[in-house]
């Protein structure tokens, strides 16, 4: 069974270890962050924190999905390429 080399750490562990992290943005990006944050009723720092948290959650889900796919393929549970193309073709023309 193949395993992915990438391991996702819990967000609480990131927060504890990287609490003092600083990220610097260009003035243009800072302006955009301020505008988006303001439009969403947040400050720029909270917007960045929320965005990074969502990105990490999405990455963890993606990695877990890829791992499930690898495990399914290792068990021989997969769809042949021609069958995938047929399914896509049916979806596009329905």
Protein backbone atom coordinates (compact mmCIF):
# COMPACT_ATOMS: atom_id res chain seq x y z
CA UNK A 1 0.00 0.00 0.00
CA UNK A 2 1.42 3.40 -0.98
CA UNK A 3 1.25 6.32 1.43
CA UNK A 4 1.57 10.00 0.67
CA UNK A 5 4.65 11.64 2.10
CA UNK A 6 2.75 14.83 3.04
CA UNK A 7 1.29 14.96 6.55
CA UNK A 8 -1.14 17.64 7.66
CA UNK A 9 -0.66 18.96 11.18
CA UNK A 10 -3.63 20.09 13.28
CA UNK A 11 -4.30 23.82 13.14
CA UNK A 12 -3.86 24.12 16.91
CA UNK A 13 -0.29 22.91 16.52
CA UNK A 14 0.42 25.52 13.85
CA UNK A 15 -0.99 28.29 16.00
CA UNK A 16 1.09 27.27 19.01
CA UNK A 17 4.34 26.89 17.04
CA UNK A 18 4.01 29.83 14.66
CA UNK A 19 2.31 32.40 16.87
CA UNK A 20 4.97 35.02 16.24
CA UNK A 21 5.01 34.59 12.47
CA UNK A 22 4.97 37.74 10.37
CA UNK A 23 3.94 37.91 6.75
CA UNK A 24 4.70 40.94 4.63
CA UNK A 25 2.57 41.94 1.65
CA UNK A 26 3.09 44.49 -1.07
CA UNK A 27 1.18 47.76 -0.60
CA UNK A 28 -1.24 46.75 -3.37
CA UNK A 29 -2.03 43.43 -1.69
CA UNK A 30 -2.43 45.13 1.68
CA UNK A 31 -4.91 47.56 0.15
CA UNK A 32 -6.87 44.70 -1.39
CA UNK A 33 -6.86 42.81 1.92
CA UNK A 34 -8.15 45.88 3.74
CA UNK A 35 -10.91 46.37 1.16
CA UNK A 36 -12.05 42.73 1.22
CA UNK A 37 -11.84 42.58 5.02
CA UNK A 38 -13.84 45.77 5.41
CA UNK A 39 -16.49 44.52 2.97
CA UNK A 40 -16.81 41.39 5.12
CA UNK A 41 -16.87 43.19 8.46
CA UNK A 42 -13.44 41.95 9.53
CA UNK A 43 -10.00 43.39 9.95
CA UNK A 44 -7.26 42.31 7.52
CA UNK A 45 -5.48 40.13 10.09
CA UNK A 46 -8.64 38.10 10.80
CA UNK A 47 -9.34 37.78 7.08
CA UNK A 48 -5.85 36.36 6.50
CA UNK A 49 -6.19 33.98 9.48
CA UNK A 50 -9.59 32.74 8.29
CA UNK A 51 -8.36 32.35 4.72
CA UNK A 52 -5.26 30.37 5.74
CA UNK A 53 -7.35 28.15 8.04
CA UNK A 54 -9.75 27.38 5.14
CA UNK A 55 -6.83 26.69 2.82
CA UNK A 56 -5.31 24.25 5.31
CA UNK A 57 -8.67 22.50 5.78
CA UNK A 58 -9.10 22.21 2.01
CA UNK A 59 -5.56 20.88 1.64
CA UNK A 60 -6.19 18.26 4.35
CA UNK A 61 -9.42 17.15 2.62
CA UNK A 62 -7.63 16.96 -0.73
CA UNK A 63 -4.77 14.89 0.69
CA UNK A 64 -7.24 12.56 2.43
CA UNK A 65 -9.18 12.14 -0.83
CA UNK A 66 -6.03 11.35 -2.78
CA UNK A 67 -5.02 8.83 -0.10
CA UNK A 68 -8.45 7.16 -0.33
CA UNK A 69 -8.07 7.00 -4.10
CA UNK A 70 -4.64 5.40 -3.83
CA UNK A 71 -5.98 2.84 -1.36
CA UNK A 72 -8.94 2.07 -3.66
CA UNK A 73 -6.63 1.66 -6.64
CA UNK A 74 -4.36 -0.63 -4.62
CA UNK A 75 -7.44 -2.80 -3.94
CA UNK A 76 -8.30 -2.77 -7.66
CA UNK A 77 -11.34 -0.52 -7.15
CA UNK A 78 -11.15 1.87 -10.05
CA UNK A 79 -12.97 2.82 -13.24
CA UNK A 80 -11.36 2.16 -16.60
CA UNK A 81 -10.36 5.22 -18.61
CA UNK A 82 -12.85 4.52 -21.42
CA UNK A 83 -15.68 4.24 -18.86
CA UNK A 84 -14.74 7.61 -17.36
CA UNK A 85 -14.81 9.19 -20.83
CA UNK A 86 -18.23 7.65 -21.49
CA UNK A 87 -19.56 9.00 -18.18
CA UNK A 88 -18.24 12.48 -18.95
CA UNK A 89 -19.71 12.37 -22.43
CA UNK A 90 -23.13 11.39 -21.02
CA UNK A 91 -22.95 14.20 -18.45
CA UNK A 92 -22.10 16.78 -21.08
CA UNK A 93 -24.98 15.74 -23.33
CA UNK A 94 -27.68 15.30 -20.71
